[in-house]
Amino acid sequence: MPEKKFKIAFFELEHWEKEYLLKNLGRRCKLQFIGHHLNKNNVNKIKDADAIGIFIYSIVNKEILDKLPNLKSVITLSTGFDHIDLMECKKRKITVCNVPHYGENTVAEHTFALILNLTRKIHKAYDRTVRGDFSLDGLRGTDLQGKTIGIVGNGSIGQHVARIAKGFEMEVIAFDRLRNQKLAKRLGLKYVSFDYLLKNSDIITLHVPYSKSTHHLIDKKAISRMKNGVLVVNTARGGIISTSALLYGLKSGKVGGAGLDVLEGECFIREEKQILSRNFLKECDLKTVLQDHLLLRQPNVIITPHNAFNSWEALHRILDTAILNINSFLRKKPVNIVK
């Protein structure tokens, strides 16, 4: 009698994600796909599942777990895991795994896409040439070589930014509460105070999480201490910058330009991949936020629609980590366990 296949039910996936999982797990596992998030209305469809693959809209609590007697593993395709009752899972000896990293280099590369657009005015040149205007008036840019970039938050994304900056032969300084001098030496950067970074950076890029302590970290006082003509880039969270303060800096000339992938006033975002979900579109209208935003009308501001995370490679890394989590669990050597 053939061995019974390990059954996994996945929720909230796009068509290409289903095909990718079937290709990589289909021989060893029996896969089931549900178009919506896991809830009390569809949980009976997967009552014999050995594992579930979910995203943040699928709430795994006691009520759901009571209806999944065979469940051995929960694989969340997200970094966050507060949608899962870990204590209840622990009681039932259910292993919970997440995706701790997937988009560090992706966001760092988008950061430099914004920087290069600002320094070489690529967006303005493109807009001009598609209209048949090939004049160079007003398109003179500036080099990155020799300029100082100040990285606020030297975590995994900030470290990738530092590596790219060194490739442009820039001077790299960083502000972070935790200072890893071995890392600084390896990356060729110098840790400095926040005040020093503001005063000495030609470009300031933000890579800190949003919290009470980072709310309006860049305010009017901070901008007043910056170098004249500084470029400000934010691919982290919109609330880190005070919009009114940034407008003041732009209009006064203190800030020479801004590259923003995030805006103050955006809906609360737990996971970047959340933006691709149909549920997010229902609960948050980014179009309204963007249409009414004063920064859109500034000639020296580039805004992208919270797109820094959104590369094929980053999204594949989420799936690859989920596949690794499942295969490791089946080998009885689980990885990326949430504790």
Protein backbone atom coordinates (compact mmCIF):
# COMPACT_ATOMS: atom_id res chain seq x y z
CA MET A 1 0.00 0.00 0.00
CA PRO A 2 1.53 3.38 -1.03
CA GLU A 3 2.56 5.74 1.75
CA LYS A 4 0.02 8.47 2.43
CA LYS A 5 1.21 11.84 1.17
CA PHE A 6 1.70 14.72 3.59
CA LYS A 7 -1.24 17.07 2.94
CA ILE A 8 -0.74 20.84 2.94
CA ALA A 9 -3.49 23.42 2.44
CA PHE A 10 -2.39 26.83 1.15
CA PHE A 11 -4.41 30.03 1.34
CA GLU A 12 -4.37 33.47 -0.38
CA LEU A 13 -1.98 32.62 -3.23
CA GLU A 14 -1.66 33.99 -6.77
CA HIS A 15 -1.81 31.56 -9.71
CA TRP A 16 1.95 31.64 -10.35
CA GLU A 17 2.61 30.88 -6.68
CA LYS A 18 0.42 27.78 -6.86
CA GLU A 19 2.30 26.54 -9.95
CA TYR A 20 5.64 27.14 -8.25
CA LEU A 21 4.63 25.20 -5.14
CA LEU A 22 3.21 22.33 -7.22
CA LYS A 23 6.47 22.11 -9.14
CA ASN A 24 8.59 22.04 -5.98
CA LEU A 25 6.38 20.13 -3.52
CA GLY A 26 3.88 18.23 -5.65
CA ARG A 27 5.81 14.95 -5.81
CA ARG A 28 6.24 14.61 -2.09
CA CYS A 29 3.12 16.31 -0.78
CA LYS A 30 -0.56 16.55 -1.61
CA LEU A 31 -1.38 20.23 -2.05
CA GLN A 32 -4.74 21.94 -1.68
CA PHE A 33 -5.34 25.59 -2.56
CA ILE A 34 -8.04 27.84 -1.12
CA GLY A 35 -8.48 31.25 -2.76
CA HIS A 36 -9.43 33.16 0.39
CA HIS A 37 -7.89 33.40 3.85
CA LEU A 38 -8.44 30.61 6.37
CA ASN A 39 -11.57 31.18 8.43
CA LYS A 40 -14.37 29.31 10.20
CA ASN A 41 -16.38 29.12 6.96
CA ASN A 42 -13.77 27.20 4.96
CA VAL A 43 -11.77 25.36 7.63
CA ASN A 44 -13.92 22.22 7.17
CA LYS A 45 -12.59 21.92 3.62
CA ILE A 46 -9.14 21.12 5.01
CA LYS A 47 -10.02 19.14 8.16
CA ASP A 48 -7.55 16.35 7.28
CA ALA A 49 -4.60 18.69 6.54
CA ASP A 50 -1.21 17.88 8.05
CA ALA A 51 0.04 21.44 7.51
CA ILE A 52 -1.24 24.83 6.40
CA GLY A 53 0.49 27.58 4.45
CA ILE A 54 -1.04 30.94 5.31
CA PHE A 55 -0.57 34.70 5.19
CA ILE A 56 -1.40 37.36 7.81
CA TYR A 57 -5.14 37.49 7.08
CA SER A 58 -5.55 33.85 8.15
CA ILE A 59 -6.12 33.86 11.91
CA VAL A 60 -5.04 30.61 13.56
CA ASN A 61 -6.67 30.43 16.98
CA LYS A 62 -8.21 27.77 19.23
CA GLU A 63 -11.48 27.72 17.30
CA ILE A 64 -9.66 26.98 14.04
CA LEU A 65 -7.22 24.51 15.59
CA ASP A 66 -10.07 22.52 17.17
CA LYS A 67 -11.26 21.70 13.64
CA LEU A 68 -7.83 20.58 12.42
CA PRO A 69 -7.07 17.42 14.45
CA ASN A 70 -4.28 16.21 12.12
CA LEU A 71 -2.40 19.52 12.00
CA LYS A 72 1.33 19.21 12.66
CA SER A 73 2.78 22.38 11.17
CA VAL A 74 1.80 25.98 10.40
CA ILE A 75 3.89 27.71 7.73
CA THR A 76 3.28 31.44 7.50
CA LEU A 77 4.46 33.15 4.31
CA SER A 78 5.32 36.27 6.29
CA THR A 79 7.89 37.58 8.73
CA GLY A 80 5.27 38.49 11.32
CA PHE A 81 3.35 35.82 13.20
CA ASP A 82 0.94 37.65 15.52
CA HIS A 83 -1.99 36.13 13.57
CA ILE A 84 -1.09 32.74 15.07
CA ASP A 85 -1.84 31.64 18.65
CA LEU A 86 1.60 30.29 19.50
CA MET A 87 0.63 29.08 22.97
CA GLU A 88 -2.25 27.04 21.59
CA CYS A 89 0.01 25.58 18.90
CA LYS A 90 2.63 24.68 21.49
CA LYS A 91 0.03 22.85 23.60
CA ARG A 92 -0.84 20.73 20.57
CA LYS A 93 2.83 20.21 19.55
CA ILE A 94 2.26 22.06 16.28
CA THR A 95 5.44 23.53 14.78
CA VAL A 96 5.14 27.13 13.57
CA CYS A 97 7.65 28.49 11.00
CA ASN A 98 7.96 31.88 9.34
CA VAL A 99 9.98 33.71 6.65
CA PRO A 100 12.46 35.80 8.64
CA HIS A 101 14.17 37.48 5.65
CA TYR A 102 13.39 37.95 1.99
CA GLY A 103 13.75 41.51 0.69
CA GLU A 104 16.81 43.20 2.18
CA ASN A 105 18.80 43.64 -1.03
CA THR A 106 15.56 44.35 -2.94
CA VAL A 107 14.71 47.40 -0.82
CA ALA A 108 18.34 48.56 -0.87
CA GLU A 109 18.41 48.42 -4.67
CA HIS A 110 15.18 50.44 -4.86
CA THR A 111 16.76 52.96 -2.51
CA PHE A 112 19.53 53.52 -5.04
CA ALA A 113 17.03 53.63 -7.89
CA LEU A 114 15.50 56.64 -6.14
CA ILE A 115 18.91 58.17 -5.41
CA LEU A 116 20.07 57.84 -9.02
CA ASN A 117 16.81 59.29 -10.30
CA LEU A 118 17.34 62.30 -8.06
CA THR A 119 21.03 62.83 -8.81
CA ARG A 120 20.83 62.23 -12.58
CA LYS A 121 17.26 63.48 -13.12
CA ILE A 122 16.36 60.34 -15.07
CA HIS A 123 12.62 60.74 -14.52
CA LYS A 124 12.71 64.27 -15.95
CA ALA A 125 14.87 63.20 -18.90
CA TYR A 126 12.50 60.34 -19.72
CA ASP A 127 9.43 62.55 -19.48
CA ARG A 128 11.08 65.04 -21.82
CA THR A 129 12.28 62.57 -24.47
CA VAL A 130 8.92 60.76 -24.80
CA ARG A 131 7.53 64.17 -25.77
CA GLY A 132 10.20 64.49 -28.47
CA ASP A 133 12.29 67.06 -26.58
CA PHE A 134 15.99 66.13 -26.53
CA SER A 135 17.39 69.32 -24.99
CA LEU A 136 19.68 69.05 -21.96
CA ASP A 137 18.54 72.24 -20.25
CA GLY A 138 17.99 71.60 -16.55
CA LEU A 139 19.20 67.98 -16.70
CA ARG A 140 22.72 68.42 -15.36
CA GLY A 141 23.23 65.95 -12.52
CA THR A 142 25.74 65.25 -9.77
CA ASP A 143 28.12 62.34 -9.13
CA LEU A 144 27.79 59.93 -6.22
CA GLN A 145 31.52 59.32 -6.05
CA GLY A 146 32.99 61.14 -3.06
CA LYS A 147 29.60 62.10 -1.61
CA THR A 148 28.65 61.13 1.96
CA ILE A 149 25.62 58.94 2.48
CA GLY A 150 24.11 58.80 5.95
CA ILE A 151 22.28 55.56 6.75
CA VAL A 152 19.76 55.82 9.59
CA GLY A 153 19.33 52.25 10.80
CA ASN A 154 22.13 49.85 9.96
CA GLY A 155 20.15 46.62 10.04
CA SER A 156 20.05 44.09 7.20
CA ILE A 157 18.68 46.60 4.65
CA GLY A 158 21.01 49.38 5.77
CA GLN A 159 23.97 47.04 5.42
CA HIS A 160 23.04 46.31 1.81
CA VAL A 161 22.76 50.05 1.18
CA ALA A 162 26.27 50.48 2.60
CA ARG A 163 27.69 47.79 0.31
CA ILE A 164 26.12 49.40 -2.77
CA ALA A 165 27.32 52.85 -1.70
CA LYS A 166 30.91 51.62 -1.40
CA GLY A 167 30.62 50.38 -4.98
CA PHE A 168 29.95 54.00 -5.99
CA GLU A 169 33.02 55.05 -3.94
CA MET A 170 30.91 57.02 -1.49
CA GLU A 171 31.76 57.85 2.10
CA VAL A 172 29.41 55.89 4.34
CA ILE A 173 28.33 56.93 7.83
CA ALA A 174 25.60 55.29 9.88
CA PHE A 175 23.51 55.91 12.97
CA ASP A 176 22.21 52.91 14.89
CA ARG A 177 21.48 52.19 18.54
CA LEU A 178 23.53 49.00 18.24
CA ARG A 179 27.07 49.49 17.00
CA ASN A 180 28.84 46.48 15.56
CA GLN A 181 32.41 47.65 15.01
CA LYS A 182 33.47 44.41 13.29
CA LEU A 183 30.64 44.90 10.82
CA ALA A 184 31.56 48.56 10.36
CA LYS A 185 35.13 47.60 9.52
CA ARG A 186 33.98 44.94 7.09
CA LEU A 187 31.58 47.32 5.32
CA GLY A 188 33.93 50.30 5.42
CA LEU A 189 31.51 52.58 7.28
CA LYS A 190 31.76 54.76 10.38
CA TYR A 191 29.18 54.91 13.17
CA VAL A 192 28.28 58.47 14.14
CA SER A 193 25.72 60.30 16.27
CA PHE A 194 22.38 61.25 14.74
CA ASP A 195 23.30 64.93 14.92
CA TYR A 196 26.63 64.33 13.13
CA LEU A 197 24.86 62.36 10.41
CA LEU A 198 22.34 65.16 9.83
CA LYS A 199 25.05 67.79 9.56
CA ASN A 200 27.46 65.88 7.33
CA SER A 201 25.41 63.77 4.89
CA ASP A 202 24.84 64.70 1.28
CA ILE A 203 22.20 61.97 1.12
CA ILE A 204 20.19 60.66 4.09
CA THR A 205 18.39 57.33 3.74
CA LEU A 206 16.04 55.85 6.34
CA HIS A 207 15.97 52.16 7.28
CA VAL A 208 14.46 52.02 10.77
CA PRO A 209 11.14 50.46 11.82
CA TYR A 210 8.24 52.74 12.66
CA SER A 211 7.60 53.16 16.40
CA LYS A 212 6.88 55.85 18.97
CA SER A 213 10.60 56.60 19.13
CA THR A 214 10.96 56.99 15.35
CA HIS A 215 7.69 58.87 14.73
CA HIS A 216 8.68 62.14 12.99
CA LEU A 217 12.34 61.35 13.53
CA ILE A 218 12.86 63.70 10.61
CA ASP A 219 11.07 66.83 11.77
CA LYS A 220 11.64 70.54 11.21
CA LYS A 221 14.41 70.64 13.82
CA ALA A 222 16.22 67.73 12.20
CA ILE A 223 15.92 69.25 8.73
CA SER A 224 17.28 72.58 9.98
CA ARG A 225 20.49 70.78 11.02
CA MET A 226 21.01 69.15 7.61
CA LYS A 227 23.43 70.31 4.90
CA ASN A 228 21.97 72.68 2.32
CA GLY A 229 20.74 70.75 -0.71
CA VAL A 230 20.62 67.37 1.07
CA LEU A 231 18.69 64.53 -0.56
CA VAL A 232 16.31 62.59 1.69
CA VAL A 233 15.23 59.03 0.83
CA ASN A 234 12.61 56.97 2.68
CA THR A 235 11.86 53.33 1.84
CA ALA A 236 10.94 52.43 5.45
CA ARG A 237 7.67 53.87 6.80
CA GLY A 238 5.97 57.18 6.01
CA GLY A 239 5.48 58.35 9.60
CA ILE A 240 9.24 58.57 10.18
CA ILE A 241 9.19 61.86 8.27
CA SER A 242 6.96 64.82 9.15
CA THR A 243 5.33 65.80 5.85
CA SER A 244 4.99 69.46 6.85
CA ALA A 245 8.67 69.56 7.86
CA LEU A 246 9.76 67.99 4.56
CA LEU A 247 7.64 70.47 2.59
CA TYR A 248 9.28 73.28 4.54
CA GLY A 249 12.71 71.88 3.70
CA LEU A 250 11.90 71.47 0.01
CA LYS A 251 10.36 74.92 -0.42
CA SER A 252 13.16 76.65 1.48
CA GLY A 253 15.83 74.85 -0.56
CA LYS A 254 17.34 73.22 2.51
CA VAL A 255 16.31 69.85 1.06
CA GLY A 256 17.41 69.53 -2.56
CA GLY A 257 15.15 66.58 -3.30
CA ALA A 258 13.35 63.60 -1.83
CA GLY A 259 12.83 60.02 -2.98
CA LEU A 260 9.87 58.45 -1.21
CA ASP A 261 8.48 54.93 -1.48
CA VAL A 262 6.31 55.53 1.59
CA LEU A 263 4.16 58.46 2.71
CA GLU A 264 2.77 59.68 5.98
CA GLY A 265 -0.93 58.85 5.99
CA GLU A 266 -0.59 55.39 4.47
CA CYS A 267 -2.70 52.66 5.99
CA PHE A 268 -1.09 50.52 8.66
CA ILE A 269 1.09 47.94 6.92
CA ARG A 270 2.38 44.91 8.81
CA GLU A 271 3.97 43.08 5.87
CA GLU A 272 4.98 44.53 2.51
CA LYS A 273 3.52 41.52 0.67
CA GLN A 274 0.20 42.50 2.29
CA ILE A 275 -0.08 45.26 -0.33
CA LEU A 276 -0.48 42.64 -3.07
CA SER A 277 -3.42 41.01 -1.30
CA ARG A 278 -7.03 41.54 -2.41
CA ASN A 279 -7.87 42.07 1.27
CA PHE A 280 -5.50 45.01 1.51
CA LEU A 281 -7.11 46.68 -1.48
CA LYS A 282 -10.46 46.47 0.28
CA GLU A 283 -9.27 48.01 3.53
CA CYS A 284 -6.81 50.60 2.23
CA ASP A 285 -7.03 52.86 -0.81
CA LEU A 286 -3.47 53.98 -1.54
CA LYS A 287 -4.73 55.84 -4.60
CA THR A 288 -6.66 58.28 -2.40
CA VAL A 289 -3.61 58.82 -0.20
CA LEU A 290 -1.42 59.51 -3.22
CA GLN A 291 -3.88 61.70 -5.13
CA ASP A 292 -4.31 64.13 -2.28
CA HIS A 293 -0.69 64.24 -1.18
CA LEU A 294 0.98 67.66 -1.33
CA LEU A 295 4.38 66.10 -2.01
CA LEU A 296 3.17 64.86 -5.40
CA ARG A 297 3.16 68.40 -6.69
CA GLN A 298 6.78 69.11 -5.79
CA PRO A 299 9.12 69.11 -8.84
CA ASN A 300 12.08 67.74 -6.87
CA VAL A 301 10.23 64.80 -5.28
CA ILE A 302 9.99 61.26 -6.66
CA ILE A 303 7.25 59.06 -5.23
CA THR A 304 6.81 55.34 -5.84
CA PRO A 305 3.74 53.47 -4.49
CA HIS A 306 5.32 51.40 -1.67
CA ASN A 307 6.97 49.23 -4.30
CA ALA A 308 10.52 48.78 -2.95
CA PHE A 309 9.90 45.20 -1.80
CA ASN A 310 8.18 44.13 -5.02
CA SER A 311 10.61 42.09 -7.12
CA TRP A 312 10.15 38.61 -8.57
CA GLU A 313 13.23 37.43 -6.70
CA ALA A 314 11.97 38.68 -3.32
CA LEU A 315 8.58 37.04 -3.78
CA HIS A 316 10.26 33.81 -4.88
CA ARG A 317 12.44 33.93 -1.76
CA ILE A 318 9.26 33.87 0.35
CA LEU A 319 8.10 30.72 -1.44
CA ASP A 320 11.57 29.17 -1.34
CA THR A 321 11.74 29.69 2.41
CA ALA A 322 8.29 28.17 2.84
CA ILE A 323 9.40 25.16 0.77
CA LEU A 324 12.56 24.88 2.88
CA ASN A 325 10.46 25.03 6.05
CA ILE A 326 8.21 22.23 4.83
CA ASN A 327 11.02 19.96 3.58
CA SER A 328 13.00 20.51 6.79
CA PHE A 329 9.96 19.62 8.86
CA LEU A 330 9.43 16.42 6.85
CA ARG A 331 13.09 15.50 7.52
CA LYS A 332 12.38 16.09 11.22
CA LYS A 333 14.92 18.94 11.27
CA PRO A 334 12.66 22.03 11.27
CA VAL A 335 14.11 25.49 10.62
CA ASN A 336 12.86 29.06 11.05
CA ILE A 337 10.80 27.97 14.05
CA VAL A 338 8.83 30.73 15.77
CA LYS A 339 9.23 30.44 19.54
